């Protein structure tokens, strides 16, 4: 089977790499493609992707001719919020009879992943509803969300989350080998750029960071604050330095090579990194300083955690924090998503959600 694999966003790449790893290359011919920053995202996982826009002009007709010339049997993609090549591939594949599959990597911002953003497309038949033949999702919650967007139940397959399953298998028993060194680790993300959060809710990533510094200072000035920027984020070091000096708390901004330690307290707003931290046995805090924004938190929507909203709640939570129980059950981590996805692509069984 000749398979075209394409992803661009970090999340989309991360859910495809466990599947690439599990595919039998003796039986399957894999062609991995991406574009621009997506090439770097694949490289982080040890895969070299080809740059699709160097091989073809990204118009409807050129993509169609290229897919026919390459004779792909199956197309497997991630999903993107503001990138359109996945959507173009699904639409062209459907018109020429190539089966297309996509793997979802998140519970939020789903509608834009299946609606076109005209800024990046050339010579394209814009549509308000673009979807693959079938999409693999994490759980019943995400299935219901897609049904509400207009997907048929037969188009949705509950596979689990490939990256989180792999992370769970690798990390959930490793903490006993790590050093004790309590730190507060904030997984940042460009909240203002994505959500216009200051106007909508009155906070952004920097106001959350300042709140963390203020609370840490009141509890224990010896606690160390770690800030881990999002891959799409360029953090303002000068602002962080001002918070550090104002509250007399030491900090460090780290890169992608950073690893959590046993007693780290992990804090975030909407990031999926909170789920990963809980899977690996860390204590996590979901901080969202406005109740209207709770609907963008997976942990809140799935009723795994109640977000803290202000200084007092954050202070209380840090002092009384406990591990999340049954994290594997809450995030459907008990079966191998890559095996389910590969079996469906190879036609070994038909899967329809109940």
Protein backbone atom coordinates (compact mmCIF):
# COMPACT_ATOMS: atom_id res chain seq x y z
CA UNK A 1 0.00 0.00 0.00
CA UNK A 2 1.38 3.40 -1.00
CA UNK A 3 0.51 5.98 1.65
CA UNK A 4 0.79 9.76 1.47
CA UNK A 5 1.35 11.15 4.97
CA UNK A 6 0.92 14.88 5.50
CA UNK A 7 0.81 17.14 8.57
CA UNK A 8 1.84 20.68 9.35
CA UNK A 9 0.90 21.77 12.89
CA UNK A 10 2.91 20.35 15.84
CA UNK A 11 -0.16 18.52 17.14
CA UNK A 12 -0.93 16.95 13.78
CA UNK A 13 2.65 15.77 13.37
CA UNK A 14 2.74 14.35 16.89
CA UNK A 15 -0.27 12.06 16.37
CA UNK A 16 1.01 10.75 13.03
CA UNK A 17 4.52 9.81 14.16
CA UNK A 18 3.42 6.83 16.36
CA UNK A 19 1.48 5.52 13.33
CA UNK A 20 4.48 5.97 11.03
CA UNK A 21 6.58 4.08 13.58
CA UNK A 22 4.06 1.22 13.72
CA UNK A 23 3.51 0.84 9.96
CA UNK A 24 5.24 -2.15 8.38
CA UNK A 25 7.53 -0.60 5.76
CA UNK A 26 7.98 -4.01 4.12
CA UNK A 27 4.29 -4.01 3.20
CA UNK A 28 3.78 -0.25 2.84
CA UNK A 29 5.52 2.49 0.90
CA UNK A 30 5.40 5.71 2.93
CA UNK A 31 5.79 9.19 1.45
CA UNK A 32 5.99 11.81 4.23
CA UNK A 33 5.29 15.42 3.24
CA UNK A 34 4.91 18.74 4.98
CA UNK A 35 5.66 22.42 4.35
CA UNK A 36 7.54 25.30 5.98
CA UNK A 37 7.59 24.89 9.78
CA UNK A 38 5.96 21.49 9.49
CA UNK A 39 9.26 20.12 8.18
CA UNK A 40 10.89 21.09 11.49
CA UNK A 41 8.05 19.47 13.43
CA UNK A 42 8.73 16.13 11.74
CA UNK A 43 12.48 16.48 12.29
CA UNK A 44 11.90 16.77 16.05
CA UNK A 45 10.54 13.21 15.94
CA UNK A 46 13.38 11.94 13.75
CA UNK A 47 11.56 11.94 10.40
CA UNK A 48 12.61 13.81 7.28
CA UNK A 49 9.58 15.07 5.39
CA UNK A 50 9.62 16.30 1.80
CA UNK A 51 8.43 19.84 1.12
CA UNK A 52 5.19 19.50 -0.83
CA UNK A 53 5.15 23.01 -2.27
CA UNK A 54 8.56 22.41 -3.86
CA UNK A 55 7.17 19.51 -5.86
CA UNK A 56 3.86 20.99 -6.96
CA UNK A 57 2.06 24.30 -7.31
CA UNK A 58 -0.70 24.26 -4.70
CA UNK A 59 -3.68 24.56 -7.00
CA UNK A 60 -6.58 22.14 -7.21
CA UNK A 61 -5.63 20.88 -10.67
CA UNK A 62 -1.92 20.43 -9.87
CA UNK A 63 -2.66 18.50 -6.68
CA UNK A 64 -5.05 16.24 -8.59
CA UNK A 65 -2.50 15.53 -11.34
CA UNK A 66 0.24 14.90 -8.75
CA UNK A 67 -1.87 12.46 -6.71
CA UNK A 68 -2.77 10.52 -9.85
CA UNK A 69 0.82 10.47 -11.05
CA UNK A 70 2.12 9.28 -7.65
CA UNK A 71 -0.55 6.52 -7.52
CA UNK A 72 -1.25 6.79 -3.80
CA UNK A 73 -3.65 4.20 -2.35
CA UNK A 74 -4.35 6.08 0.89
CA UNK A 75 -3.88 9.60 2.28
CA UNK A 76 -3.30 10.02 6.03
CA UNK A 77 -3.14 13.51 7.51
CA UNK A 78 -3.25 15.48 10.70
CA UNK A 79 -5.53 18.49 11.06
CA UNK A 80 -4.62 22.18 11.22
CA UNK A 81 -6.33 25.30 12.47
CA UNK A 82 -4.95 27.86 10.00
CA UNK A 83 -3.31 25.70 7.34
CA UNK A 84 -5.17 24.40 4.32
CA UNK A 85 -3.14 21.72 2.56
CA UNK A 86 -4.75 18.86 4.52
CA UNK A 87 -8.17 20.16 3.47
CA UNK A 88 -7.13 20.46 -0.16
CA UNK A 89 -5.82 16.88 -0.13
CA UNK A 90 -9.11 15.55 1.33
CA UNK A 91 -11.20 17.33 -1.28
CA UNK A 92 -9.08 16.33 -4.26
CA UNK A 93 -8.75 12.73 -3.01
CA UNK A 94 -12.52 12.39 -2.68
CA UNK A 95 -13.01 13.57 -6.28
CA UNK A 96 -10.53 11.07 -7.74
CA UNK A 97 -11.39 8.08 -5.55
CA UNK A 98 -8.43 7.95 -3.16
CA UNK A 99 -9.38 7.09 0.42
CA UNK A 100 -8.43 9.83 2.91
CA UNK A 101 -8.11 9.61 6.69
CA UNK A 102 -7.28 12.24 9.30
CA UNK A 103 -6.20 11.90 12.92
CA UNK A 104 -7.47 14.45 15.42
CA UNK A 105 -4.99 15.67 18.04
CA UNK A 106 -7.18 17.88 20.24
CA UNK A 107 -10.66 18.30 21.69
CA UNK A 108 -10.92 22.05 20.97
CA UNK A 109 -11.13 24.43 18.01
CA UNK A 110 -12.58 21.68 15.85
CA UNK A 111 -14.78 23.63 13.44
CA UNK A 112 -11.93 25.60 11.85
CA UNK A 113 -10.06 22.37 11.10
CA UNK A 114 -12.82 21.46 8.67
CA UNK A 115 -13.61 24.88 7.23
CA UNK A 116 -11.50 26.71 4.71
CA UNK A 117 -9.33 29.75 5.39
CA UNK A 118 -8.82 31.44 2.01
CA UNK A 119 -5.55 33.20 2.88
CA UNK A 120 -3.33 30.23 2.03
CA UNK A 121 -5.11 28.76 -0.99
CA UNK A 122 -4.61 29.34 -4.69
CA UNK A 123 -7.20 28.46 -7.37
CA UNK A 124 -9.36 26.62 -4.86
CA UNK A 125 -13.07 25.83 -4.72
CA UNK A 126 -13.83 27.21 -1.27
CA UNK A 127 -16.21 25.25 0.88
CA UNK A 128 -17.72 25.70 4.31
CA UNK A 129 -17.41 22.00 5.09
CA UNK A 130 -14.32 20.04 4.03
CA UNK A 131 -13.65 16.64 5.56
CA UNK A 132 -11.78 13.38 4.95
CA UNK A 133 -13.56 10.09 4.29
CA UNK A 134 -13.00 9.08 7.90
CA UNK A 135 -11.50 10.74 10.94
CA UNK A 136 -9.91 9.10 13.99
CA UNK A 137 -10.80 10.75 17.31
CA UNK A 138 -9.86 10.36 20.96
CA UNK A 139 -13.13 9.44 22.69
CA UNK A 140 -16.93 9.76 22.84
CA UNK A 141 -16.66 13.42 23.75
CA UNK A 142 -14.77 14.31 20.56
CA UNK A 143 -17.09 12.07 18.53
CA UNK A 144 -20.10 14.01 19.82
CA UNK A 145 -18.38 17.32 19.05
CA UNK A 146 -17.82 16.30 15.42
CA UNK A 147 -21.38 15.01 15.07
CA UNK A 148 -22.55 18.46 16.16
CA UNK A 149 -20.44 19.93 13.33
CA UNK A 150 -22.16 17.77 10.74
CA UNK A 151 -20.04 14.62 10.55
CA UNK A 152 -21.90 11.34 10.14
CA UNK A 153 -21.25 8.79 12.86
CA UNK A 154 -19.98 6.35 10.21
CA UNK A 155 -17.26 8.88 9.32
CA UNK A 156 -15.88 8.98 12.88
CA UNK A 157 -13.71 6.27 14.44
CA UNK A 158 -12.78 6.29 18.12
CA UNK A 159 -9.15 5.20 18.11
CA UNK A 160 -7.73 7.02 21.12
CA UNK A 161 -4.95 9.61 20.98
CA UNK A 162 -1.76 8.10 19.44
CA UNK A 163 0.65 10.53 21.06
CA UNK A 164 -0.92 10.44 24.53
CA UNK A 165 -1.08 6.61 24.41
CA UNK A 166 2.60 6.44 23.48
CA UNK A 167 3.44 9.00 26.17
CA UNK A 168 1.46 7.00 28.76
CA UNK A 169 3.22 3.73 27.90
CA UNK A 170 6.63 5.40 28.05
CA UNK A 171 6.30 7.74 31.01
CA UNK A 172 3.68 6.75 33.57
CA UNK A 173 6.07 4.50 35.54
CA UNK A 174 9.30 6.50 35.21
CA UNK A 175 8.97 9.05 38.00
CA UNK A 176 10.57 6.94 40.71
CA UNK A 177 13.87 7.28 38.85
CA UNK A 178 13.81 11.08 38.86
CA UNK A 179 15.28 13.52 41.35
CA UNK A 180 13.10 15.37 43.87
CA UNK A 181 13.25 19.08 43.10
CA UNK A 182 9.96 20.92 43.47
CA UNK A 183 9.41 23.57 40.83
CA UNK A 184 6.37 25.30 39.33
CA UNK A 185 6.41 24.69 35.59
CA UNK A 186 4.18 26.85 33.39
CA UNK A 187 3.46 25.55 29.89
CA UNK A 188 2.80 28.78 28.05
CA UNK A 189 0.90 29.28 24.81
CA UNK A 190 0.03 32.33 22.62
CA UNK A 191 -3.41 32.80 24.16
CA UNK A 192 -3.79 36.43 23.13
CA UNK A 193 -2.89 35.75 19.49
CA UNK A 194 -5.22 32.76 19.20
CA UNK A 195 -8.23 33.86 21.24
CA UNK A 196 -7.98 37.68 21.50
CA UNK A 197 -8.14 36.85 25.19
CA UNK A 198 -7.49 40.27 26.73
CA UNK A 199 -10.50 41.80 25.04
CA UNK A 200 -12.73 38.74 25.50
CA UNK A 201 -11.75 37.60 28.98
CA UNK A 202 -9.38 40.17 30.49
CA UNK A 203 -6.22 38.04 30.62
CA UNK A 204 -3.38 36.76 28.45
CA UNK A 205 -0.38 34.46 28.92
CA UNK A 206 1.63 37.20 30.62
CA UNK A 207 -1.01 38.05 33.20
CA UNK A 208 -1.18 34.33 34.07
CA UNK A 209 2.61 34.19 34.38
CA UNK A 210 2.58 37.23 36.68
CA UNK A 211 -0.12 35.62 38.82
CA UNK A 212 2.05 32.50 39.17
CA UNK A 213 5.03 34.59 40.28
CA UNK A 214 2.88 36.44 42.81
CA UNK A 215 1.46 33.26 44.34
CA UNK A 216 4.80 31.42 44.39
CA UNK A 217 6.34 34.42 46.16
CA UNK A 218 3.69 34.29 48.88
CA UNK A 219 4.13 30.54 49.44
CA UNK A 220 7.87 29.95 49.16
CA UNK A 221 10.40 32.24 47.47
CA UNK A 222 12.74 29.25 47.16
CA UNK A 223 10.42 27.62 44.65
CA UNK A 224 11.77 27.94 41.12
CA UNK A 225 9.48 28.93 38.23
CA UNK A 226 10.07 27.26 34.85
CA UNK A 227 8.45 28.70 31.73
CA UNK A 228 8.13 26.40 28.72
CA UNK A 229 7.03 28.36 25.62
CA UNK A 230 4.72 26.89 23.00
CA UNK A 231 6.39 25.98 19.65
CA UNK A 232 4.48 28.82 17.98
CA UNK A 233 5.32 31.34 20.69
CA UNK A 234 8.16 33.82 21.11
CA UNK A 235 8.22 34.67 24.81
CA UNK A 236 9.06 38.20 25.98
CA UNK A 237 12.00 37.62 28.32
CA UNK A 238 12.03 41.24 29.46
CA UNK A 239 8.49 40.98 30.84
CA UNK A 240 9.33 37.77 32.70
CA UNK A 241 12.45 39.37 34.17
CA UNK A 242 10.32 42.25 35.49
CA UNK A 243 7.96 39.79 37.22
CA UNK A 244 10.93 37.94 38.70
CA UNK A 245 12.38 41.14 40.15
CA UNK A 246 9.00 42.40 41.37
CA UNK A 247 8.22 39.22 43.33
CA UNK A 248 11.81 38.09 44.10
CA UNK A 249 11.29 34.68 42.49
CA UNK A 250 13.91 32.93 40.35
CA UNK A 251 12.90 31.61 36.93
CA UNK A 252 14.18 29.96 33.78
CA UNK A 253 12.81 29.89 30.22
CA UNK A 254 13.46 26.45 28.73
CA UNK A 255 13.36 24.89 25.26
CA UNK A 256 11.94 21.67 23.80
CA UNK A 257 14.67 19.55 25.41
CA UNK A 258 13.29 20.30 28.87
CA UNK A 259 12.17 17.30 30.97
CA UNK A 260 9.91 17.37 34.01
CA UNK A 261 11.15 16.08 37.37
CA UNK A 262 9.27 14.06 39.94
CA UNK A 263 7.90 16.81 42.17
CA UNK A 264 7.28 19.47 39.55
CA UNK A 265 3.91 21.21 39.76
CA UNK A 266 2.65 21.74 36.21
CA UNK A 267 0.46 24.74 35.41
CA UNK A 268 -1.24 25.68 32.15
CA UNK A 269 -4.29 27.29 30.60
CA UNK A 270 -5.59 25.41 27.53
CA UNK A 271 -2.51 23.33 26.66
CA UNK A 272 -2.62 19.57 26.15
CA UNK A 273 0.69 19.46 28.06
CA UNK A 274 -1.40 19.37 31.25
CA UNK A 275 -2.81 16.01 30.17
CA UNK A 276 0.67 14.70 29.36
CA UNK A 277 1.91 15.82 32.78
CA UNK A 278 -1.00 14.11 34.54
CA UNK A 279 -0.35 10.93 32.54
CA UNK A 280 3.27 10.87 33.73
CA UNK A 281 2.16 11.20 37.36
CA UNK A 282 2.61 14.90 37.99
CA UNK A 283 0.34 17.23 39.92
CA UNK A 284 -1.31 19.69 37.54
CA UNK A 285 -3.20 22.95 37.87
CA UNK A 286 -5.50 24.34 35.22
CA UNK A 287 -5.60 28.13 35.66
CA UNK A 288 -8.17 30.17 33.70
CA UNK A 289 -8.88 33.62 35.17
CA UNK A 290 -12.36 33.91 33.58
CA UNK A 291 -15.23 31.40 33.75
CA UNK A 292 -16.35 32.23 30.20
CA UNK A 293 -13.11 30.68 28.94
CA UNK A 294 -13.59 27.35 30.78
CA UNK A 295 -15.18 25.91 27.62
CA UNK A 296 -11.75 25.95 25.96
CA UNK A 297 -10.21 23.68 28.62
CA UNK A 298 -10.28 19.94 27.87
CA UNK A 299 -9.80 19.14 31.55
CA UNK A 300 -12.77 21.30 32.47
CA UNK A 301 -15.01 20.04 29.66
CA UNK A 302 -14.34 16.41 30.54
CA UNK A 303 -14.79 17.24 34.25
CA UNK A 304 -11.32 16.00 35.13
CA UNK A 305 -10.29 19.24 36.85
CA UNK A 306 -12.04 22.43 37.89
CA UNK A 307 -9.88 25.37 36.79
CA UNK A 308 -8.66 27.88 39.36
CA UNK A 309 -9.68 31.44 38.60
CA UNK A 310 -7.78 33.83 40.87
CA UNK A 311 -4.86 34.31 43.27
CA UNK A 312 -6.60 32.77 46.30
CA UNK A 313 -7.70 29.65 44.42
CA UNK A 314 -4.22 29.18 42.90
CA UNK A 315 -2.62 29.59 46.33
CA UNK A 316 -5.02 27.05 47.90
CA UNK A 317 -4.54 24.60 45.03
CA UNK A 318 -0.73 24.64 45.22
CA UNK A 319 -0.87 24.01 48.97
CA UNK A 320 -3.37 21.12 48.76
CA UNK A 321 -2.59 19.61 45.35
CA UNK A 322 -3.23 15.90 44.66
CA UNK A 323 -2.66 13.61 41.69
CA UNK A 324 -5.50 13.01 39.20
CA UNK A 325 -6.85 9.48 39.68
CA UNK A 326 -7.50 7.03 36.79
CA UNK A 327 -5.99 9.28 34.15
CA UNK A 328 -5.82 6.36 31.70
CA UNK A 329 -9.56 5.81 31.92
CA UNK A 330 -10.39 9.49 31.65
CA UNK A 331 -8.40 9.86 28.40
CA UNK A 332 -8.98 6.45 26.79
CA UNK A 333 -5.38 5.23 27.09
CA UNK A 334 -6.02 1.50 27.47
CA UNK A 335 -5.85 0.45 23.79
CA UNK A 336 -3.31 1.15 21.06
CA UNK A 337 -4.61 3.84 18.66
CA UNK A 338 -1.93 3.17 16.02
CA UNK A 339 -3.06 -0.47 15.69
CA UNK A 340 -6.70 0.55 15.24
CA UNK A 341 -5.81 3.19 12.64
CA UNK A 342 -3.54 0.87 10.65
CA UNK A 343 -6.10 -1.96 10.68
CA UNK A 344 -8.79 0.35 9.34
CA UNK A 345 -6.50 1.72 6.59
CA UNK A 346 -5.51 -1.80 5.58
CA UNK A 347 -9.15 -2.84 5.41
CA UNK A 348 -8.81 -5.56 8.05
CA UNK A 349 -12.12 -4.54 9.56
CA UNK A 350 -14.81 -1.94 9.22
CA UNK A 351 -15.23 0.19 12.34
CA UNK A 352 -18.36 2.14 13.10
CA UNK A 353 -18.91 3.94 16.40
CA UNK A 354 -21.92 2.75 18.35
